[in-house]
């Protein structure tokens, strides 16, 4: 109930309870929320992991153009004083590189990395290094039309699932499973995700990558 009403109104379509269960995020976990936007998931993660867990969260310069004020306001709130703020370029975010995190999430944001000059290969390598063996890298994004690759990123903010899978598995991750609970068959993948008729209700893929256990 202490979350912003605007965030709570999005829960029905975002299904964060199912997302956390799918990614294995719960009490005591050490997690990171990358390209966190205004902090929708950061707020949820703080509650989910509790006092025994830890949360790292950050935005890149591209995102900060849009969310600087609400993002800073979040960190000024006492409940979030213990969140590790790691703003910076995607490949330079200050994630611990000691294999201590249980999970990293990136929600509706990976596609935006194709609009910047950031190094996704280095970013994924840093994420690999920050996770424990068996650690989870969870990615949610908007489906693009099959065969479109990255061609709809700029115009529609959509990306083909296979593009992300190829890049992330190249970093050493294994695609462990896919979630179908954010699918919407009524979305034909032709509209920009901000179109009033589909905003908040796009057809989305949920990918659970894992760092191989040693």
N, C-alpha and C. Protein backbone atom coordinates (compact mmCIF):
# COMPACT_ATOMS: atom_id res chain seq x y z
N UNK A 1 0.80 -1.23 0.00
CA UNK A 1 0.00 0.00 0.00
C UNK A 1 0.83 1.28 0.00
N UNK A 2 2.12 1.19 0.34
CA UNK A 2 2.95 2.40 0.36
C UNK A 2 3.57 2.69 -1.01
N UNK A 3 3.30 1.83 -2.00
CA UNK A 3 3.79 2.10 -3.34
C UNK A 3 2.91 3.14 -4.02
N UNK A 4 3.46 3.90 -4.99
CA UNK A 4 2.65 4.90 -5.70
C UNK A 4 1.44 4.26 -6.36
N UNK A 5 0.33 4.96 -6.36
CA UNK A 5 -0.89 4.44 -6.95
C UNK A 5 -0.69 4.12 -8.43
N UNK A 6 0.11 4.94 -9.12
CA UNK A 6 0.36 4.69 -10.55
C UNK A 6 1.05 3.35 -10.75
N UNK A 7 1.96 2.99 -9.84
CA UNK A 7 2.63 1.69 -9.93
C UNK A 7 1.64 0.57 -9.67
N UNK A 8 0.84 0.72 -8.64
CA UNK A 8 -0.10 -0.33 -8.26
C UNK A 8 -1.12 -0.58 -9.37
N UNK A 9 -1.45 0.46 -10.10
CA UNK A 9 -2.42 0.33 -11.20
C UNK A 9 -1.86 -0.51 -12.35
N UNK A 10 -0.54 -0.63 -12.42
CA UNK A 10 0.10 -1.39 -13.50
C UNK A 10 0.28 -2.87 -13.14
N UNK A 11 0.04 -3.21 -11.89
CA UNK A 11 0.32 -4.57 -11.43
C UNK A 11 -0.47 -5.64 -12.17
N UNK A 12 -1.74 -5.32 -12.51
CA UNK A 12 -2.58 -6.31 -13.17
C UNK A 12 -2.00 -6.81 -14.48
N UNK A 13 -1.40 -5.91 -15.25
CA UNK A 13 -0.79 -6.30 -16.53
C UNK A 13 0.65 -6.76 -16.38
N UNK A 14 1.36 -6.23 -15.40
CA UNK A 14 2.77 -6.58 -15.24
C UNK A 14 3.00 -7.87 -14.46
N UNK A 15 2.03 -8.24 -13.61
CA UNK A 15 2.08 -9.47 -12.82
C UNK A 15 3.42 -9.67 -12.11
N UNK A 16 3.83 -8.69 -11.29
CA UNK A 16 5.13 -8.80 -10.64
C UNK A 16 5.26 -9.99 -9.71
N UNK A 17 4.14 -10.44 -9.11
CA UNK A 17 4.22 -11.60 -8.24
C UNK A 17 4.67 -12.83 -9.01
N UNK A 18 4.12 -13.01 -10.22
CA UNK A 18 4.51 -14.15 -11.05
C UNK A 18 5.93 -13.99 -11.57
N UNK A 19 6.33 -12.75 -11.88
CA UNK A 19 7.69 -12.50 -12.35
C UNK A 19 8.70 -12.90 -11.28
N UNK A 20 8.48 -12.47 -10.04
CA UNK A 20 9.42 -12.79 -8.97
C UNK A 20 9.48 -14.30 -8.73
N UNK A 21 8.34 -14.96 -8.78
CA UNK A 21 8.32 -16.40 -8.58
C UNK A 21 9.07 -17.10 -9.72
N UNK A 22 8.84 -16.66 -10.93
CA UNK A 22 9.49 -17.25 -12.10
C UNK A 22 11.01 -17.11 -12.04
N UNK A 23 11.47 -15.97 -11.50
CA UNK A 23 12.90 -15.70 -11.43
C UNK A 23 13.52 -16.14 -10.10
N UNK A 24 12.70 -16.65 -9.19
CA UNK A 24 13.23 -17.16 -7.93
C UNK A 24 13.71 -16.08 -6.98
N UNK A 25 13.08 -14.93 -7.01
CA UNK A 25 13.50 -13.82 -6.16
C UNK A 25 12.60 -13.75 -4.93
N UNK A 26 13.23 -13.80 -3.76
CA UNK A 26 12.48 -13.78 -2.51
C UNK A 26 13.35 -13.32 -1.35
N UNK A 27 12.92 -13.55 -0.12
CA UNK A 27 13.63 -13.08 1.07
C UNK A 27 15.11 -13.49 1.09
N UNK A 28 15.95 -12.53 1.43
CA UNK A 28 17.37 -12.78 1.59
C UNK A 28 18.20 -12.74 0.32
N UNK A 29 17.55 -12.58 -0.82
CA UNK A 29 18.29 -12.59 -2.09
C UNK A 29 19.00 -11.26 -2.33
N UNK A 30 20.11 -11.33 -3.06
CA UNK A 30 20.83 -10.14 -3.49
C UNK A 30 20.57 -9.96 -4.98
N UNK A 31 19.95 -8.84 -5.34
CA UNK A 31 19.46 -8.67 -6.70
C UNK A 31 19.80 -7.28 -7.25
N UNK A 32 19.72 -7.16 -8.57
CA UNK A 32 19.96 -5.87 -9.23
C UNK A 32 18.86 -5.60 -10.23
N UNK A 33 18.44 -4.34 -10.29
CA UNK A 33 17.42 -3.86 -11.22
C UNK A 33 18.10 -2.87 -12.15
N UNK A 34 18.37 -3.29 -13.39
CA UNK A 34 19.11 -2.45 -14.32
C UNK A 34 18.18 -1.76 -15.31
N UNK A 35 18.51 -0.50 -15.64
CA UNK A 35 17.63 0.36 -16.43
C UNK A 35 16.27 0.35 -15.76
N UNK A 36 16.29 0.78 -14.51
CA UNK A 36 15.14 0.65 -13.61
C UNK A 36 14.05 1.67 -13.84
N UNK A 37 14.29 2.67 -14.70
CA UNK A 37 13.27 3.69 -14.94
C UNK A 37 12.96 4.46 -13.68
N UNK A 38 11.68 4.62 -13.39
CA UNK A 38 11.27 5.35 -12.19
C UNK A 38 11.28 4.52 -10.93
N UNK A 39 11.62 3.24 -11.05
CA UNK A 39 11.76 2.40 -9.86
C UNK A 39 10.61 1.47 -9.57
N UNK A 40 9.78 1.18 -10.56
CA UNK A 40 8.66 0.26 -10.34
C UNK A 40 9.13 -1.04 -9.69
N UNK A 41 10.10 -1.70 -10.30
CA UNK A 41 10.57 -2.96 -9.74
C UNK A 41 11.51 -2.77 -8.57
N UNK A 42 12.23 -1.67 -8.52
CA UNK A 42 13.11 -1.43 -7.38
C UNK A 42 12.30 -1.42 -6.09
N UNK A 43 11.16 -0.74 -6.11
CA UNK A 43 10.30 -0.69 -4.93
C UNK A 43 9.83 -2.09 -4.52
N UNK A 44 9.47 -2.88 -5.50
CA UNK A 44 8.99 -4.23 -5.22
C UNK A 44 10.12 -5.11 -4.69
N UNK A 45 11.30 -4.99 -5.27
CA UNK A 45 12.43 -5.83 -4.86
C UNK A 45 12.85 -5.57 -3.42
N UNK A 46 12.83 -4.32 -3.01
CA UNK A 46 13.20 -3.99 -1.63
C UNK A 46 12.32 -4.75 -0.64
N UNK A 47 11.03 -4.79 -0.92
CA UNK A 47 10.10 -5.52 -0.06
C UNK A 47 10.30 -7.02 -0.19
N UNK A 48 10.55 -7.47 -1.41
CA UNK A 48 10.63 -8.91 -1.66
C UNK A 48 11.84 -9.56 -0.99
N UNK A 49 12.98 -8.88 -1.01
CA UNK A 49 14.20 -9.49 -0.44
C UNK A 49 14.33 -9.23 1.06
N UNK A 50 13.67 -8.19 1.54
CA UNK A 50 13.68 -7.90 2.97
C UNK A 50 15.00 -7.39 3.50
N UNK A 51 15.08 -7.28 4.79
CA UNK A 51 16.27 -6.70 5.43
C UNK A 51 17.51 -7.58 5.28
N UNK A 52 17.32 -8.85 5.07
CA UNK A 52 18.46 -9.76 4.92
C UNK A 52 19.01 -9.79 3.50
N UNK A 53 18.26 -9.20 2.57
CA UNK A 53 18.70 -9.18 1.18
C UNK A 53 19.40 -7.88 0.83
N UNK A 54 19.64 -7.68 -0.46
CA UNK A 54 20.28 -6.45 -0.93
C UNK A 54 19.78 -6.14 -2.33
N UNK A 55 19.64 -4.84 -2.61
CA UNK A 55 19.17 -4.41 -3.92
C UNK A 55 20.13 -3.39 -4.50
N UNK A 56 20.57 -3.63 -5.73
CA UNK A 56 21.33 -2.68 -6.52
C UNK A 56 20.40 -2.20 -7.63
N UNK A 57 20.44 -0.91 -7.92
CA UNK A 57 19.54 -0.39 -8.96
C UNK A 57 20.17 0.80 -9.64
N UNK A 58 19.99 0.88 -10.97
CA UNK A 58 20.60 1.98 -11.69
C UNK A 58 19.96 2.26 -13.04
N UNK A 59 20.17 3.47 -13.50
CA UNK A 59 19.75 3.90 -14.83
C UNK A 59 20.96 4.40 -15.61
N UNK A 60 20.91 4.26 -16.91
CA UNK A 60 21.98 4.80 -17.75
C UNK A 60 21.66 6.25 -18.12
N UNK A 61 22.59 6.98 -18.74
CA UNK A 61 22.34 8.38 -19.09
C UNK A 61 21.12 8.57 -19.98
N UNK A 62 20.87 7.62 -20.88
CA UNK A 62 19.70 7.71 -21.77
C UNK A 62 18.41 7.72 -20.96
N UNK A 63 18.29 6.83 -19.99
CA UNK A 63 17.09 6.78 -19.16
C UNK A 63 16.99 7.97 -18.22
N UNK A 64 18.12 8.44 -17.74
CA UNK A 64 18.10 9.55 -16.78
C UNK A 64 17.54 10.82 -17.40
N UNK A 65 17.56 10.92 -18.71
CA UNK A 65 16.94 12.08 -19.37
C UNK A 65 15.45 12.15 -19.08
N UNK A 66 14.85 11.01 -18.80
CA UNK A 66 13.40 10.94 -18.60
C UNK A 66 12.99 10.74 -17.15
N UNK A 67 13.87 10.19 -16.32
CA UNK A 67 13.43 9.79 -14.96
C UNK A 67 14.27 10.39 -13.84
N UNK A 68 15.11 11.37 -14.13
CA UNK A 68 16.03 11.88 -13.11
C UNK A 68 15.31 12.32 -11.83
N UNK A 69 14.22 13.05 -11.97
CA UNK A 69 13.53 13.58 -10.78
C UNK A 69 12.89 12.47 -9.94
N UNK A 70 12.02 11.62 -10.51
CA UNK A 70 11.43 10.57 -9.68
C UNK A 70 12.46 9.57 -9.15
N UNK A 71 13.51 9.35 -9.91
CA UNK A 71 14.55 8.41 -9.49
C UNK A 71 15.28 8.95 -8.26
N UNK A 72 15.64 10.21 -8.28
CA UNK A 72 16.32 10.81 -7.13
C UNK A 72 15.38 10.90 -5.92
N UNK A 73 14.11 11.15 -6.18
CA UNK A 73 13.13 11.22 -5.08
C UNK A 73 13.00 9.87 -4.39
N UNK A 74 13.09 8.79 -5.16
CA UNK A 74 13.01 7.46 -4.57
C UNK A 74 14.14 7.25 -3.56
N UNK A 75 15.35 7.65 -3.93
CA UNK A 75 16.49 7.43 -3.05
C UNK A 75 16.51 8.39 -1.86
N UNK A 76 15.70 9.43 -1.93
CA UNK A 76 15.58 10.35 -0.79
C UNK A 76 14.59 9.84 0.24
N UNK A 77 13.90 8.77 -0.08
CA UNK A 77 12.92 8.17 0.83
C UNK A 77 13.63 7.22 1.79
N UNK A 78 13.36 7.31 3.09
CA UNK A 78 14.06 6.47 4.07
C UNK A 78 14.03 4.98 3.75
N UNK A 79 12.93 4.48 3.21
CA UNK A 79 12.82 3.04 2.94
C UNK A 79 13.82 2.55 1.91
N UNK A 80 14.42 3.48 1.14
CA UNK A 80 15.33 3.08 0.06
C UNK A 80 16.76 3.56 0.29
N UNK A 81 17.05 3.97 1.51
CA UNK A 81 18.40 4.46 1.80
C UNK A 81 19.46 3.37 1.71
N UNK A 82 19.04 2.13 1.83
CA UNK A 82 20.02 1.03 1.79
C UNK A 82 20.15 0.40 0.41
N UNK A 83 19.40 0.93 -0.56
CA UNK A 83 19.56 0.45 -1.94
C UNK A 83 20.87 0.99 -2.50
N UNK A 84 21.61 0.13 -3.16
CA UNK A 84 22.88 0.55 -3.77
C UNK A 84 22.57 1.20 -5.12
N UNK A 85 22.79 2.50 -5.22
CA UNK A 85 22.51 3.22 -6.46
C UNK A 85 23.71 3.12 -7.38
N UNK A 86 23.51 2.60 -8.57
CA UNK A 86 24.65 2.32 -9.47
C UNK A 86 24.44 2.92 -10.85
N UNK A 87 23.95 4.15 -10.92
CA UNK A 87 23.74 4.80 -12.22
C UNK A 87 25.04 4.88 -13.02
N UNK A 88 24.92 4.76 -14.32
CA UNK A 88 26.08 4.88 -15.19
C UNK A 88 25.80 4.22 -16.53
N UNK A 89 26.76 4.29 -17.42
CA UNK A 89 26.62 3.60 -18.69
C UNK A 89 26.40 2.11 -18.43
N UNK A 90 25.63 1.48 -19.29
CA UNK A 90 25.23 0.10 -19.05
C UNK A 90 26.41 -0.84 -18.83
N UNK A 91 27.49 -0.62 -19.56
CA UNK A 91 28.64 -1.52 -19.44
C UNK A 91 29.57 -1.13 -18.29
N UNK A 92 29.21 -0.06 -17.57
CA UNK A 92 30.07 0.42 -16.48
C UNK A 92 29.36 0.48 -15.13
N UNK A 93 28.11 0.07 -15.06
CA UNK A 93 27.39 0.12 -13.79
C UNK A 93 28.17 -0.65 -12.71
N UNK A 94 28.16 -0.09 -11.51
CA UNK A 94 29.00 -0.60 -10.42
C UNK A 94 28.41 -1.84 -9.76
N UNK A 95 28.19 -2.86 -10.55
CA UNK A 95 27.79 -4.15 -10.00
C UNK A 95 29.00 -4.83 -9.36
N UNK A 96 28.83 -5.45 -8.21
CA UNK A 96 29.97 -6.18 -7.64
C UNK A 96 30.41 -7.28 -8.60
N UNK A 97 31.70 -7.42 -8.77
CA UNK A 97 32.22 -8.40 -9.73
C UNK A 97 32.78 -9.64 -9.04
N UNK A 98 32.16 -10.00 -7.90
CA UNK A 98 32.66 -11.10 -7.10
C UNK A 98 31.73 -12.31 -7.08
N UNK A 99 30.77 -12.34 -8.01
CA UNK A 99 29.87 -13.47 -8.06
C UNK A 99 28.99 -13.61 -6.83
N UNK A 100 28.50 -12.49 -6.32
CA UNK A 100 27.74 -12.52 -5.07
C UNK A 100 26.25 -12.32 -5.23
N UNK A 101 25.77 -11.93 -6.42
CA UNK A 101 24.35 -11.67 -6.59
C UNK A 101 23.58 -12.93 -7.02
N UNK A 102 22.33 -12.97 -6.61
CA UNK A 102 21.46 -14.09 -6.96
C UNK A 102 20.71 -13.86 -8.26
N UNK A 103 20.40 -12.59 -8.55
CA UNK A 103 19.60 -12.31 -9.74
C UNK A 103 19.82 -10.89 -10.23
N UNK A 104 19.69 -10.71 -11.53
CA UNK A 104 19.69 -9.40 -12.19
C UNK A 104 18.47 -9.37 -13.09
N UNK A 105 17.73 -8.26 -13.07
CA UNK A 105 16.58 -8.15 -13.95
C UNK A 105 16.71 -6.91 -14.84
N UNK A 106 16.14 -7.00 -16.01
CA UNK A 106 16.03 -5.87 -16.92
C UNK A 106 14.65 -5.96 -17.58
N UNK A 107 13.79 -5.04 -17.23
CA UNK A 107 12.39 -5.13 -17.62
C UNK A 107 12.02 -4.06 -18.64
N UNK A 108 11.60 -4.50 -19.82
CA UNK A 108 11.14 -3.62 -20.89
C UNK A 108 12.19 -2.57 -21.26
N UNK A 109 13.45 -2.96 -21.23
CA UNK A 109 14.52 -1.99 -21.42
C UNK A 109 15.65 -2.45 -22.33
N UNK A 110 15.85 -3.76 -22.50
CA UNK A 110 16.99 -4.22 -23.29
C UNK A 110 16.96 -3.63 -24.69
N UNK A 111 15.78 -3.51 -25.27
CA UNK A 111 15.68 -2.98 -26.64
C UNK A 111 16.25 -1.56 -26.74
N UNK A 112 16.11 -0.78 -25.65
CA UNK A 112 16.59 0.61 -25.69
C UNK A 112 18.11 0.70 -25.81
N UNK A 113 18.81 -0.36 -25.46
CA UNK A 113 20.27 -0.34 -25.58
C UNK A 113 20.72 -0.28 -27.03
N UNK A 114 19.82 -0.58 -27.95
CA UNK A 114 20.14 -0.48 -29.38
C UNK A 114 20.00 0.96 -29.88
N UNK A 115 19.56 1.86 -29.00
CA UNK A 115 19.42 3.27 -29.35
C UNK A 115 20.57 4.09 -28.79
N UNK A 116 21.51 3.46 -28.12
CA UNK A 116 22.65 4.15 -27.53
C UNK A 116 23.95 3.57 -28.07
N UNK A 117 25.07 4.13 -27.66
CA UNK A 117 26.37 3.63 -28.11
C UNK A 117 27.02 2.75 -27.04
N UNK A 118 26.23 2.26 -26.11
CA UNK A 118 26.77 1.43 -25.04
C UNK A 118 27.13 0.04 -25.55
N UNK A 119 28.04 -0.61 -24.84
CA UNK A 119 28.57 -1.90 -25.26
C UNK A 119 27.81 -3.02 -24.56
N UNK A 120 26.89 -3.64 -25.27
CA UNK A 120 26.06 -4.69 -24.66
C UNK A 120 26.88 -5.94 -24.34
N UNK A 121 27.90 -6.20 -25.14
CA UNK A 121 28.74 -7.36 -24.88
C UNK A 121 29.44 -7.22 -23.53
N UNK A 122 30.01 -6.04 -23.28
CA UNK A 122 30.66 -5.80 -21.99
C UNK A 122 29.65 -5.78 -20.85
N UNK A 123 28.47 -5.24 -21.11
CA UNK A 123 27.42 -5.21 -20.09
C UNK A 123 27.05 -6.62 -19.66
N UNK A 124 26.81 -7.48 -20.63
CA UNK A 124 26.43 -8.85 -20.30
C UNK A 124 27.55 -9.60 -19.60
N UNK A 125 28.79 -9.28 -19.94
CA UNK A 125 29.92 -9.90 -19.25
C UNK A 125 29.97 -9.45 -17.79
N UNK A 126 29.67 -8.18 -17.52
CA UNK A 126 29.64 -7.70 -16.15
C UNK A 126 28.51 -8.37 -15.37
N UNK A 127 27.38 -8.55 -16.01
CA UNK A 127 26.26 -9.21 -15.35
C UNK A 127 26.61 -10.67 -15.05
N UNK A 128 27.28 -11.32 -15.98
CA UNK A 128 27.72 -12.70 -15.75
C UNK A 128 28.64 -12.77 -14.53
N UNK A 129 29.57 -11.82 -14.43
CA UNK A 129 30.53 -11.83 -13.33
C UNK A 129 29.89 -11.51 -11.99
N UNK A 130 28.81 -10.75 -12.00
CA UNK A 130 28.19 -10.35 -10.73
C UNK A 130 27.35 -11.46 -10.11
N UNK A 131 26.96 -12.46 -10.92
CA UNK A 131 26.05 -13.51 -10.45
C UNK A 131 26.79 -14.73 -9.89
N UNK A 132 26.15 -15.34 -8.91
CA UNK A 132 26.63 -16.61 -8.38
C UNK A 132 26.45 -17.70 -9.44
N UNK A 133 27.19 -18.80 -9.34
CA UNK A 133 26.87 -19.94 -10.20
C UNK A 133 25.41 -20.34 -9.96
N UNK A 134 24.67 -20.49 -11.04
CA UNK A 134 23.24 -20.77 -10.93
C UNK A 134 22.40 -19.52 -10.81
N UNK A 135 23.05 -18.34 -10.77
CA UNK A 135 22.33 -17.07 -10.66
C UNK A 135 21.49 -16.80 -11.89
N UNK A 136 20.49 -15.95 -11.72
CA UNK A 136 19.48 -15.71 -12.75
C UNK A 136 19.58 -14.32 -13.36
N UNK A 137 19.49 -14.27 -14.66
CA UNK A 137 19.42 -13.02 -15.42
C UNK A 137 18.06 -13.03 -16.10
N UNK A 138 17.14 -12.20 -15.60
CA UNK A 138 15.79 -12.18 -16.12
C UNK A 138 15.53 -10.99 -17.02
N UNK A 139 15.01 -11.24 -18.20
CA UNK A 139 14.74 -10.17 -19.17
C UNK A 139 13.31 -10.27 -19.66
N UNK A 140 12.62 -9.13 -19.61
CA UNK A 140 11.27 -9.01 -20.15
C UNK A 140 11.30 -7.92 -21.20
N UNK A 141 10.67 -8.17 -22.35
CA UNK A 141 10.63 -7.11 -23.37
C UNK A 141 9.42 -7.31 -24.28
N UNK A 142 9.21 -6.32 -25.14
CA UNK A 142 8.07 -6.30 -26.04
C UNK A 142 8.36 -7.11 -27.31
N UNK A 143 7.47 -8.02 -27.65
CA UNK A 143 7.63 -8.81 -28.87
C UNK A 143 7.57 -7.93 -30.12
N UNK A 144 8.46 -8.21 -31.05
CA UNK A 144 8.39 -7.65 -32.39
C UNK A 144 7.90 -8.73 -33.34
N UNK A 145 7.58 -8.35 -34.56
CA UNK A 145 7.16 -9.34 -35.54
C UNK A 145 8.29 -10.31 -35.85
N UNK A 146 7.94 -11.55 -36.07
CA UNK A 146 8.93 -12.57 -36.35
C UNK A 146 9.74 -12.21 -37.59
N UNK A 147 11.06 -12.33 -37.45
CA UNK A 147 11.94 -12.02 -38.56
C UNK A 147 12.39 -10.58 -38.64
N UNK A 148 11.87 -9.71 -37.74
CA UNK A 148 12.18 -8.29 -37.81
C UNK A 148 13.49 -7.92 -37.11
N UNK A 149 14.02 -8.83 -36.29
CA UNK A 149 15.28 -8.55 -35.61
C UNK A 149 15.20 -7.31 -34.75
N UNK A 150 16.05 -6.33 -35.09
CA UNK A 150 16.07 -5.07 -34.33
C UNK A 150 15.49 -3.92 -35.14
N UNK A 151 14.90 -4.21 -36.29
CA UNK A 151 14.46 -3.13 -37.18
C UNK A 151 13.29 -2.32 -36.63
N UNK A 152 12.57 -2.86 -35.65
CA UNK A 152 11.43 -2.14 -35.08
C UNK A 152 11.77 -1.47 -33.76
N UNK A 153 13.03 -1.52 -33.36
CA UNK A 153 13.40 -0.93 -32.06
C UNK A 153 13.14 0.57 -32.03
N UNK A 154 13.64 1.27 -33.01
CA UNK A 154 13.51 2.73 -33.00
C UNK A 154 12.08 3.18 -33.26
N UNK A 155 11.41 2.53 -34.18
CA UNK A 155 10.06 2.98 -34.57
C UNK A 155 8.97 2.50 -33.63
N UNK A 156 9.10 1.28 -33.10
CA UNK A 156 8.03 0.70 -32.28
C UNK A 156 8.45 0.33 -30.86
N UNK A 157 9.76 0.39 -30.57
CA UNK A 157 10.31 -0.03 -29.28
C UNK A 157 10.03 -1.51 -29.02
N UNK A 158 10.14 -2.30 -30.06
CA UNK A 158 9.97 -3.74 -29.98
C UNK A 158 11.23 -4.43 -30.49
N UNK A 159 11.45 -5.66 -30.03
CA UNK A 159 12.63 -6.40 -30.44
C UNK A 159 12.28 -7.88 -30.54
N UNK A 160 12.93 -8.55 -31.47
CA UNK A 160 12.69 -9.98 -31.59
C UNK A 160 13.42 -10.72 -30.47
N UNK A 161 12.72 -11.63 -29.86
CA UNK A 161 13.25 -12.39 -28.72
C UNK A 161 14.60 -13.04 -29.03
N UNK A 162 14.74 -13.58 -30.23
CA UNK A 162 15.95 -14.32 -30.58
C UNK A 162 17.20 -13.45 -30.55
N UNK A 163 17.05 -12.15 -30.78
CA UNK A 163 18.20 -11.24 -30.76
C UNK A 163 18.80 -11.20 -29.36
N UNK A 164 17.94 -11.06 -28.37
CA UNK A 164 18.40 -11.01 -26.99
C UNK A 164 18.99 -12.35 -26.57
N UNK A 165 18.32 -13.42 -26.93
CA UNK A 165 18.82 -14.75 -26.57
C UNK A 165 20.22 -14.98 -27.13
N UNK A 166 20.45 -14.58 -28.35
CA UNK A 166 21.76 -14.77 -28.97
C UNK A 166 22.84 -13.98 -28.23
N UNK A 167 22.55 -12.74 -27.88
CA UNK A 167 23.56 -11.91 -27.21
C UNK A 167 23.84 -12.41 -25.79
N UNK A 168 22.80 -12.78 -25.08
CA UNK A 168 22.99 -13.19 -23.69
C UNK A 168 23.66 -14.55 -23.58
N UNK A 169 23.29 -15.48 -24.43
CA UNK A 169 23.95 -16.80 -24.38
C UNK A 169 25.40 -16.71 -24.84
N UNK A 170 25.72 -15.72 -25.69
CA UNK A 170 27.11 -15.52 -26.11
C UNK A 170 27.98 -15.11 -24.94
N UNK A 171 27.36 -14.55 -23.89
CA UNK A 171 28.11 -14.14 -22.69
C UNK A 171 28.34 -15.30 -21.74
N UNK A 172 27.80 -16.47 -22.06
CA UNK A 172 28.00 -17.64 -21.23
C UNK A 172 26.76 -18.14 -20.51
N UNK A 173 25.66 -17.40 -20.63
CA UNK A 173 24.42 -17.80 -19.97
C UNK A 173 23.72 -18.92 -20.74
N UNK A 174 22.87 -19.63 -20.03
CA UNK A 174 22.02 -20.66 -20.62
C UNK A 174 20.57 -20.21 -20.48
N UNK A 175 19.79 -20.31 -21.54
CA UNK A 175 18.37 -20.00 -21.45
C UNK A 175 17.69 -21.17 -20.76
N UNK A 176 17.29 -20.96 -19.49
CA UNK A 176 16.73 -22.05 -18.69
C UNK A 176 15.26 -22.28 -18.97
N UNK A 177 14.50 -21.18 -19.10
CA UNK A 177 13.08 -21.33 -19.42
C UNK A 177 12.46 -20.00 -19.82
N UNK A 178 11.29 -20.12 -20.45
CA UNK A 178 10.55 -18.94 -20.88
C UNK A 178 9.20 -18.91 -20.16
N UNK A 179 8.74 -17.70 -19.85
CA UNK A 179 7.44 -17.56 -19.24
C UNK A 179 6.44 -17.02 -20.25
N UNK A 180 5.23 -17.57 -20.24
CA UNK A 180 4.21 -17.15 -21.19
C UNK A 180 3.10 -16.32 -20.54
N UNK A 181 3.28 -15.95 -19.27
CA UNK A 181 2.20 -15.30 -18.53
C UNK A 181 2.03 -13.81 -18.85
N UNK A 182 2.91 -13.24 -19.67
CA UNK A 182 2.74 -11.86 -20.10
C UNK A 182 2.40 -11.78 -21.59
N UNK A 183 2.00 -12.88 -22.16
CA UNK A 183 1.61 -12.88 -23.56
C UNK A 183 0.25 -12.19 -23.75
N UNK A 184 0.07 -11.57 -24.90
CA UNK A 184 -1.22 -10.98 -25.27
C UNK A 184 -1.46 -11.23 -26.75
N UNK A 185 -2.24 -12.24 -27.08
CA UNK A 185 -2.47 -12.58 -28.49
C UNK A 185 -3.22 -11.49 -29.27
N UNK A 186 -3.79 -10.53 -28.58
CA UNK A 186 -4.50 -9.44 -29.25
C UNK A 186 -3.55 -8.37 -29.78
N UNK A 187 -2.30 -8.43 -29.35
CA UNK A 187 -1.27 -7.50 -29.83
C UNK A 187 -0.65 -8.09 -31.10
N UNK A 188 -0.84 -7.40 -32.23
CA UNK A 188 -0.31 -7.94 -33.50
C UNK A 188 1.11 -7.48 -33.81
N UNK A 189 1.75 -6.78 -32.86
CA UNK A 189 3.16 -6.39 -32.96
C UNK A 189 3.42 -5.30 -33.98
N UNK A 190 2.38 -4.63 -34.46
CA UNK A 190 2.58 -3.60 -35.49
C UNK A 190 2.51 -2.18 -34.93
N UNK A 191 2.05 -2.02 -33.70
CA UNK A 191 1.89 -0.69 -33.11
C UNK A 191 3.05 -0.35 -32.19
N UNK A 192 3.39 0.93 -32.11
CA UNK A 192 4.37 1.36 -31.15
C UNK A 192 3.84 1.07 -29.75
N UNK A 193 4.73 0.71 -28.84
CA UNK A 193 4.28 0.27 -27.52
C UNK A 193 3.59 1.38 -26.73
N UNK A 194 3.74 2.64 -27.19
CA UNK A 194 3.10 3.77 -26.51
C UNK A 194 1.73 4.10 -27.09
N UNK A 195 1.30 3.34 -28.09
CA UNK A 195 -0.02 3.57 -28.68
C UNK A 195 -1.08 3.39 -27.59
N UNK A 196 -2.01 4.33 -27.45
CA UNK A 196 -3.02 4.25 -26.40
C UNK A 196 -3.81 2.94 -26.39
N UNK A 197 -3.97 2.33 -27.55
CA UNK A 197 -4.74 1.10 -27.62
C UNK A 197 -4.03 -0.12 -27.09
N UNK A 198 -2.68 -0.04 -26.96
CA UNK A 198 -1.91 -1.22 -26.55
C UNK A 198 -0.97 -0.93 -25.38
N UNK A 199 -0.79 0.33 -25.05
CA UNK A 199 0.16 0.68 -23.98
C UNK A 199 -0.18 -0.05 -22.68
N UNK A 200 0.83 -0.65 -22.10
CA UNK A 200 0.64 -1.41 -20.87
C UNK A 200 0.10 -2.81 -21.08
N UNK A 201 -0.24 -3.13 -22.33
CA UNK A 201 -0.85 -4.44 -22.61
C UNK A 201 -0.16 -5.15 -23.77
N UNK A 202 1.08 -4.78 -24.06
CA UNK A 202 1.78 -5.40 -25.17
C UNK A 202 2.05 -6.88 -24.92
N UNK A 203 2.27 -7.60 -25.99
CA UNK A 203 2.67 -9.00 -25.93
C UNK A 203 4.14 -9.03 -25.53
N UNK A 204 4.44 -9.70 -24.42
CA UNK A 204 5.79 -9.66 -23.87
C UNK A 204 6.37 -11.04 -23.65
N UNK A 205 7.67 -11.16 -23.86
CA UNK A 205 8.36 -12.41 -23.54
C UNK A 205 9.09 -12.26 -22.22
N UNK A 206 9.17 -13.35 -21.49
CA UNK A 206 9.86 -13.40 -20.20
C UNK A 206 10.91 -14.49 -20.29
N UNK A 207 12.17 -14.12 -20.16
CA UNK A 207 13.27 -15.06 -20.33
C UNK A 207 14.06 -15.21 -19.03
N UNK A 208 14.28 -16.43 -18.64
CA UNK A 208 15.11 -16.73 -17.47
C UNK A 208 16.42 -17.37 -17.94
N UNK A 209 17.47 -16.57 -17.93
CA UNK A 209 18.81 -17.08 -18.22
C UNK A 209 19.49 -17.42 -16.91
N UNK A 210 20.39 -18.40 -16.95
CA UNK A 210 21.11 -18.78 -15.74
C UNK A 210 22.60 -18.89 -16.03
N UNK A 211 23.39 -18.48 -15.05
CA UNK A 211 24.84 -18.70 -15.11
C UNK A 211 25.09 -20.16 -14.75
N UNK A 212 25.77 -20.91 -15.58
CA UNK A 212 25.95 -22.34 -15.29
C UNK A 212 26.57 -22.57 -13.92
N UNK A 213 26.08 -23.58 -13.24
CA UNK A 213 26.64 -23.95 -11.94
C UNK A 213 28.03 -24.56 -12.14
N UNK A 214 28.91 -24.26 -11.23
CA UNK A 214 30.27 -24.76 -11.36
C UNK A 214 30.34 -26.23 -10.99
